[in-house]
């Protein structure tokens, strides 16, 4: 959920959007879109699987705990070399705020489907 559903799909979205917007590397763009489509299937299956497991309150708690353990490290993956988490930067023509919002929205949507929230915002 964190690696494929948040980080990979975020990176893929901004890379493919950048290539499409600039009209460059059409063969690479086509191949990358195929990879992204396959990644979406992996994430959809993972989301369904976690949704089934999260029906058990103990497993839902373990999912939340694992998210809290992995998200801080994951947040740093989107930061380019020379910058630190919290710095403002632009990458491929997109602000860190755009990329972080995309990643957070994607994760939040999937967590809602799974039926768990982040402990800090879970009711």
N, C-alpha and C. Protein backbone atom coordinates (compact mmCIF):
# COMPACT_ATOMS: atom_id res chain seq x y z
N UNK A 1 0.83 -1.19 0.00
CA UNK A 1 0.00 0.00 0.00
C UNK A 1 0.87 1.26 0.00
N UNK A 2 1.93 1.23 0.76
CA UNK A 2 2.80 2.41 0.84
C UNK A 2 3.74 2.47 -0.37
N UNK A 3 4.38 1.36 -0.68
CA UNK A 3 5.37 1.38 -1.76
C UNK A 3 4.69 1.50 -3.13
N UNK A 4 3.80 0.59 -3.44
CA UNK A 4 3.17 0.62 -4.77
C UNK A 4 2.03 1.63 -4.83
N UNK A 5 1.15 1.61 -3.85
CA UNK A 5 -0.06 2.43 -3.90
C UNK A 5 0.15 3.90 -3.63
N UNK A 6 1.26 4.24 -3.00
CA UNK A 6 1.51 5.64 -2.70
C UNK A 6 2.73 6.15 -3.46
N UNK A 7 3.88 5.55 -3.24
CA UNK A 7 5.11 6.05 -3.85
C UNK A 7 5.20 5.78 -5.35
N UNK A 8 5.02 4.52 -5.75
CA UNK A 8 5.18 4.18 -7.16
C UNK A 8 4.15 4.89 -8.02
N UNK A 9 2.89 4.84 -7.62
CA UNK A 9 1.86 5.47 -8.43
C UNK A 9 2.02 6.99 -8.49
N UNK A 10 2.49 7.59 -7.42
CA UNK A 10 2.74 9.04 -7.43
C UNK A 10 3.86 9.37 -8.41
N UNK A 11 4.97 8.66 -8.30
CA UNK A 11 6.07 8.90 -9.23
C UNK A 11 5.67 8.64 -10.67
N UNK A 12 4.94 7.58 -10.90
CA UNK A 12 4.51 7.25 -12.25
C UNK A 12 3.57 8.31 -12.80
N UNK A 13 2.67 8.80 -11.98
CA UNK A 13 1.73 9.82 -12.44
C UNK A 13 2.47 11.07 -12.90
N UNK A 14 3.38 11.57 -12.07
CA UNK A 14 4.07 12.81 -12.42
C UNK A 14 5.05 12.63 -13.57
N UNK A 15 5.68 11.47 -13.66
CA UNK A 15 6.57 11.22 -14.80
C UNK A 15 5.79 11.14 -16.10
N UNK A 16 4.70 10.40 -16.11
CA UNK A 16 3.94 10.26 -17.36
C UNK A 16 3.26 11.58 -17.73
N UNK A 17 2.78 12.30 -16.75
CA UNK A 17 2.16 13.60 -17.03
C UNK A 17 3.20 14.56 -17.62
N UNK A 18 4.39 14.55 -17.07
CA UNK A 18 5.47 15.41 -17.57
C UNK A 18 5.83 15.07 -19.01
N UNK A 19 5.99 13.79 -19.31
CA UNK A 19 6.32 13.37 -20.67
C UNK A 19 5.20 13.73 -21.64
N UNK A 20 3.97 13.50 -21.23
CA UNK A 20 2.82 13.81 -22.08
C UNK A 20 2.71 15.32 -22.31
N UNK A 21 2.85 16.08 -21.26
CA UNK A 21 2.74 17.54 -21.34
C UNK A 21 3.81 18.12 -22.27
N UNK A 22 5.00 17.55 -22.22
CA UNK A 22 6.12 18.05 -23.03
C UNK A 22 6.15 17.42 -24.43
N UNK A 23 5.37 16.37 -24.63
CA UNK A 23 5.32 15.72 -25.93
C UNK A 23 6.63 15.06 -26.32
N UNK A 24 7.29 14.44 -25.34
CA UNK A 24 8.59 13.80 -25.61
C UNK A 24 8.54 12.32 -25.28
N UNK A 25 9.45 11.58 -25.86
CA UNK A 25 9.64 10.15 -25.61
C UNK A 25 8.33 9.36 -25.68
N UNK A 26 7.63 9.41 -26.81
CA UNK A 26 6.33 8.74 -26.90
C UNK A 26 6.41 7.23 -26.66
N UNK A 27 7.47 6.57 -27.10
CA UNK A 27 7.60 5.14 -26.86
C UNK A 27 7.77 4.83 -25.38
N UNK A 28 8.59 5.62 -24.70
CA UNK A 28 8.79 5.45 -23.27
C UNK A 28 7.49 5.73 -22.52
N UNK A 29 6.79 6.79 -22.95
CA UNK A 29 5.52 7.13 -22.32
C UNK A 29 4.51 5.99 -22.47
N UNK A 30 4.42 5.42 -23.65
CA UNK A 30 3.48 4.31 -23.88
C UNK A 30 3.83 3.13 -22.96
N UNK A 31 5.11 2.76 -22.93
CA UNK A 31 5.54 1.64 -22.08
C UNK A 31 5.29 1.93 -20.61
N UNK A 32 5.57 3.16 -20.20
CA UNK A 32 5.38 3.52 -18.80
C UNK A 32 3.91 3.50 -18.43
N UNK A 33 3.04 3.89 -19.36
CA UNK A 33 1.60 3.81 -19.11
C UNK A 33 1.15 2.36 -18.94
N UNK A 34 1.73 1.45 -19.70
CA UNK A 34 1.41 0.03 -19.53
C UNK A 34 1.86 -0.47 -18.16
N UNK A 35 3.04 -0.05 -17.73
CA UNK A 35 3.54 -0.43 -16.40
C UNK A 35 2.61 0.13 -15.32
N UNK A 36 2.20 1.37 -15.49
CA UNK A 36 1.32 2.00 -14.51
C UNK A 36 -0.02 1.27 -14.41
N UNK A 37 -0.54 0.85 -15.55
CA UNK A 37 -1.80 0.10 -15.55
C UNK A 37 -1.65 -1.20 -14.77
N UNK A 38 -0.52 -1.89 -14.98
CA UNK A 38 -0.26 -3.12 -14.25
C UNK A 38 -0.12 -2.85 -12.75
N UNK A 39 0.54 -1.76 -12.42
CA UNK A 39 0.72 -1.38 -11.01
C UNK A 39 -0.64 -1.13 -10.36
N UNK A 40 -1.55 -0.50 -11.09
CA UNK A 40 -2.90 -0.26 -10.56
C UNK A 40 -3.60 -1.57 -10.21
N UNK A 41 -3.39 -2.60 -11.02
CA UNK A 41 -4.01 -3.91 -10.71
C UNK A 41 -3.43 -4.48 -9.42
N UNK A 42 -2.13 -4.35 -9.24
CA UNK A 42 -1.51 -4.84 -7.99
C UNK A 42 -2.11 -4.11 -6.79
N UNK A 43 -2.22 -2.80 -6.92
CA UNK A 43 -2.74 -2.00 -5.82
C UNK A 43 -4.21 -2.32 -5.55
N UNK A 44 -4.98 -2.53 -6.60
CA UNK A 44 -6.40 -2.88 -6.42
C UNK A 44 -6.53 -4.20 -5.68
N UNK A 45 -5.71 -5.18 -6.03
CA UNK A 45 -5.77 -6.46 -5.33
C UNK A 45 -5.33 -6.29 -3.87
N UNK A 46 -4.24 -5.55 -3.65
CA UNK A 46 -3.77 -5.31 -2.28
C UNK A 46 -4.81 -4.60 -1.44
N UNK A 47 -5.50 -3.64 -2.06
CA UNK A 47 -6.55 -2.91 -1.35
C UNK A 47 -7.68 -3.85 -0.97
N UNK A 48 -8.11 -4.69 -1.92
CA UNK A 48 -9.17 -5.66 -1.62
C UNK A 48 -8.73 -6.61 -0.50
N UNK A 49 -7.50 -7.12 -0.60
CA UNK A 49 -7.00 -8.07 0.39
C UNK A 49 -7.00 -7.44 1.79
N UNK A 50 -6.48 -6.21 1.88
CA UNK A 50 -6.44 -5.54 3.18
C UNK A 50 -7.85 -5.21 3.68
N UNK A 51 -8.74 -4.90 2.78
CA UNK A 51 -10.13 -4.65 3.16
C UNK A 51 -10.73 -5.89 3.83
N UNK A 52 -10.47 -7.06 3.26
CA UNK A 52 -10.97 -8.30 3.83
C UNK A 52 -10.35 -8.55 5.20
N UNK A 53 -9.05 -8.34 5.33
CA UNK A 53 -8.36 -8.60 6.59
C UNK A 53 -8.73 -7.58 7.66
N UNK A 54 -8.99 -6.33 7.26
CA UNK A 54 -9.28 -5.27 8.23
C UNK A 54 -10.63 -5.43 8.89
N UNK A 55 -11.42 -6.39 8.45
CA UNK A 55 -12.70 -6.67 9.13
C UNK A 55 -12.45 -7.19 10.54
N UNK A 56 -11.27 -7.76 10.75
CA UNK A 56 -10.84 -8.21 12.08
C UNK A 56 -10.19 -7.00 12.77
N UNK A 57 -10.75 -6.52 13.88
CA UNK A 57 -10.22 -5.32 14.54
C UNK A 57 -8.73 -5.42 14.89
N UNK A 58 -8.26 -6.60 15.27
CA UNK A 58 -6.84 -6.76 15.60
C UNK A 58 -5.98 -6.56 14.35
N UNK A 59 -6.42 -7.11 13.23
CA UNK A 59 -5.66 -6.94 11.99
C UNK A 59 -5.74 -5.49 11.49
N UNK A 60 -6.88 -4.85 11.70
CA UNK A 60 -7.00 -3.43 11.32
C UNK A 60 -5.99 -2.60 12.11
N UNK A 61 -5.85 -2.90 13.37
CA UNK A 61 -4.88 -2.19 14.22
C UNK A 61 -3.45 -2.46 13.74
N UNK A 62 -3.16 -3.69 13.35
CA UNK A 62 -1.82 -4.02 12.84
C UNK A 62 -1.54 -3.27 11.54
N UNK A 63 -2.56 -3.12 10.69
CA UNK A 63 -2.40 -2.36 9.46
C UNK A 63 -2.06 -0.90 9.80
N UNK A 64 -2.79 -0.33 10.74
CA UNK A 64 -2.51 1.04 11.17
C UNK A 64 -1.11 1.18 11.74
N UNK A 65 -0.71 0.24 12.57
CA UNK A 65 0.63 0.28 13.17
C UNK A 65 1.72 0.23 12.10
N UNK A 66 1.52 -0.62 11.10
CA UNK A 66 2.52 -0.75 10.03
C UNK A 66 2.57 0.52 9.20
N UNK A 67 1.43 1.14 8.97
CA UNK A 67 1.42 2.42 8.26
C UNK A 67 2.22 3.47 9.02
N UNK A 68 1.98 3.56 10.31
CA UNK A 68 2.69 4.56 11.12
C UNK A 68 4.19 4.28 11.17
N UNK A 69 4.55 3.03 11.04
CA UNK A 69 5.96 2.65 11.04
C UNK A 69 6.63 3.00 9.71
N UNK A 70 5.92 2.83 8.61
CA UNK A 70 6.54 2.99 7.30
C UNK A 70 6.37 4.38 6.67
N UNK A 71 5.33 5.10 7.03
CA UNK A 71 5.08 6.39 6.37
C UNK A 71 6.19 7.43 6.56
N UNK A 72 6.81 7.55 7.74
CA UNK A 72 7.89 8.54 7.85
C UNK A 72 9.04 8.29 6.86
N UNK A 73 9.43 7.05 6.70
CA UNK A 73 10.49 6.74 5.74
C UNK A 73 10.01 6.98 4.31
N UNK A 74 8.76 6.63 4.05
CA UNK A 74 8.21 6.81 2.71
C UNK A 74 8.16 8.28 2.32
N UNK A 75 7.85 9.15 3.26
CA UNK A 75 7.75 10.58 2.96
C UNK A 75 9.07 11.12 2.41
N UNK A 76 10.16 10.60 2.88
CA UNK A 76 11.46 11.06 2.41
C UNK A 76 11.83 10.59 1.02
N UNK A 77 11.16 9.57 0.52
CA UNK A 77 11.47 9.02 -0.81
C UNK A 77 11.15 10.04 -1.89
N UNK A 78 10.13 10.84 -1.70
CA UNK A 78 9.72 11.80 -2.71
C UNK A 78 10.58 13.07 -2.72
N UNK A 79 11.49 13.19 -1.79
CA UNK A 79 12.34 14.38 -1.69
C UNK A 79 13.60 14.17 -2.53
N UNK A 80 13.86 15.07 -3.50
CA UNK A 80 15.04 14.90 -4.35
C UNK A 80 16.34 15.19 -3.59
N UNK A 81 17.45 14.68 -4.10
CA UNK A 81 18.75 14.93 -3.47
C UNK A 81 19.01 16.44 -3.31
N UNK A 82 19.60 16.79 -2.18
CA UNK A 82 19.91 18.19 -1.91
C UNK A 82 18.83 18.92 -1.13
N UNK A 83 17.71 18.26 -0.92
CA UNK A 83 16.62 18.85 -0.15
C UNK A 83 16.29 17.96 1.03
N UNK A 84 15.63 18.57 2.01
CA UNK A 84 15.18 17.80 3.17
C UNK A 84 13.67 17.83 3.24
N UNK A 85 13.13 16.87 3.92
CA UNK A 85 11.68 16.80 4.12
C UNK A 85 11.22 18.12 4.74
N UNK A 86 10.22 18.73 4.16
CA UNK A 86 9.72 20.01 4.64
C UNK A 86 10.20 21.19 3.80
N UNK A 87 11.28 21.00 3.03
CA UNK A 87 11.75 22.06 2.13
C UNK A 87 10.78 22.21 0.98
N UNK A 88 10.71 23.41 0.43
CA UNK A 88 9.96 23.62 -0.80
C UNK A 88 10.89 23.35 -1.98
N UNK A 89 10.39 22.65 -2.97
CA UNK A 89 11.17 22.37 -4.17
C UNK A 89 10.23 22.10 -5.33
N UNK A 90 10.79 22.07 -6.50
CA UNK A 90 10.05 21.73 -7.70
C UNK A 90 10.79 20.59 -8.37
N UNK A 91 10.03 19.62 -8.87
CA UNK A 91 10.62 18.47 -9.55
C UNK A 91 9.77 18.17 -10.78
N UNK A 92 10.40 18.11 -11.92
CA UNK A 92 9.72 17.88 -13.20
C UNK A 92 8.63 18.90 -13.46
N UNK A 93 8.78 20.09 -12.89
CA UNK A 93 7.79 21.13 -13.10
C UNK A 93 6.62 21.11 -12.12
N UNK A 94 6.71 20.27 -11.10
CA UNK A 94 5.64 20.15 -10.10
C UNK A 94 6.21 20.51 -8.74
N UNK A 95 5.40 21.16 -7.92
CA UNK A 95 5.84 21.51 -6.57
C UNK A 95 5.75 20.30 -5.65
N UNK A 96 6.51 20.36 -4.59
CA UNK A 96 6.43 19.29 -3.58
C UNK A 96 5.02 19.22 -3.00
N UNK A 97 4.34 20.35 -2.96
CA UNK A 97 2.98 20.36 -2.42
C UNK A 97 2.02 19.57 -3.33
N UNK A 98 2.18 19.72 -4.64
CA UNK A 98 1.35 18.96 -5.58
C UNK A 98 1.60 17.46 -5.45
N UNK A 99 2.87 17.09 -5.37
CA UNK A 99 3.20 15.67 -5.27
C UNK A 99 2.73 15.07 -3.95
N UNK A 100 2.95 15.80 -2.86
CA UNK A 100 2.53 15.30 -1.56
C UNK A 100 1.01 15.19 -1.47
N UNK A 101 0.30 16.16 -2.03
CA UNK A 101 -1.17 16.11 -2.02
C UNK A 101 -1.67 14.91 -2.82
N UNK A 102 -1.06 14.67 -3.98
CA UNK A 102 -1.46 13.52 -4.80
C UNK A 102 -1.25 12.23 -4.02
N UNK A 103 -0.07 12.07 -3.41
CA UNK A 103 0.25 10.85 -2.66
C UNK A 103 -0.69 10.67 -1.47
N UNK A 104 -0.92 11.74 -0.72
CA UNK A 104 -1.77 11.65 0.46
C UNK A 104 -3.22 11.34 0.07
N UNK A 105 -3.71 11.96 -1.00
CA UNK A 105 -5.07 11.72 -1.45
C UNK A 105 -5.23 10.26 -1.90
N UNK A 106 -4.24 9.77 -2.65
CA UNK A 106 -4.30 8.38 -3.11
C UNK A 106 -4.32 7.42 -1.93
N UNK A 107 -3.44 7.65 -0.95
CA UNK A 107 -3.40 6.79 0.22
C UNK A 107 -4.70 6.89 1.02
N UNK A 108 -5.18 8.09 1.23
CA UNK A 108 -6.41 8.29 2.01
C UNK A 108 -7.60 7.59 1.37
N UNK A 109 -7.70 7.69 0.05
CA UNK A 109 -8.81 7.04 -0.67
C UNK A 109 -8.77 5.53 -0.46
N UNK A 110 -7.58 4.96 -0.56
CA UNK A 110 -7.46 3.51 -0.39
C UNK A 110 -7.73 3.08 1.05
N UNK A 111 -7.26 3.86 2.00
CA UNK A 111 -7.51 3.52 3.40
C UNK A 111 -9.00 3.56 3.71
N UNK A 112 -9.70 4.49 3.09
CA UNK A 112 -11.16 4.56 3.29
C UNK A 112 -11.82 3.29 2.77
N UNK A 113 -11.38 2.81 1.61
CA UNK A 113 -11.92 1.58 1.04
C UNK A 113 -11.59 0.39 1.95
N UNK A 114 -10.37 0.38 2.46
CA UNK A 114 -9.93 -0.72 3.34
C UNK A 114 -10.73 -0.70 4.64
N UNK A 115 -11.06 0.50 5.10
CA UNK A 115 -11.82 0.63 6.34
C UNK A 115 -10.96 0.95 7.53
N UNK A 116 -9.77 1.47 7.29
CA UNK A 116 -8.91 1.92 8.38
C UNK A 116 -8.47 3.35 8.07
N UNK A 117 -8.08 4.04 9.11
CA UNK A 117 -7.54 5.39 8.97
C UNK A 117 -6.20 5.45 9.64
N UNK A 118 -5.54 6.55 9.43
CA UNK A 118 -4.30 6.77 10.17
C UNK A 118 -4.67 7.04 11.62
N UNK A 119 -3.97 6.46 12.58
CA UNK A 119 -4.36 6.62 13.98
C UNK A 119 -4.58 8.05 14.41
N UNK A 120 -3.80 8.98 13.88
CA UNK A 120 -3.94 10.37 14.28
C UNK A 120 -5.26 10.98 13.79
N UNK A 121 -5.84 10.42 12.71
CA UNK A 121 -7.08 10.98 12.19
C UNK A 121 -8.23 9.98 12.21
N UNK A 122 -7.97 8.78 12.69
CA UNK A 122 -9.04 7.77 12.75
C UNK A 122 -10.01 8.14 13.86
N UNK A 123 -11.29 7.92 13.61
CA UNK A 123 -12.27 8.24 14.67
C UNK A 123 -12.54 7.04 15.53
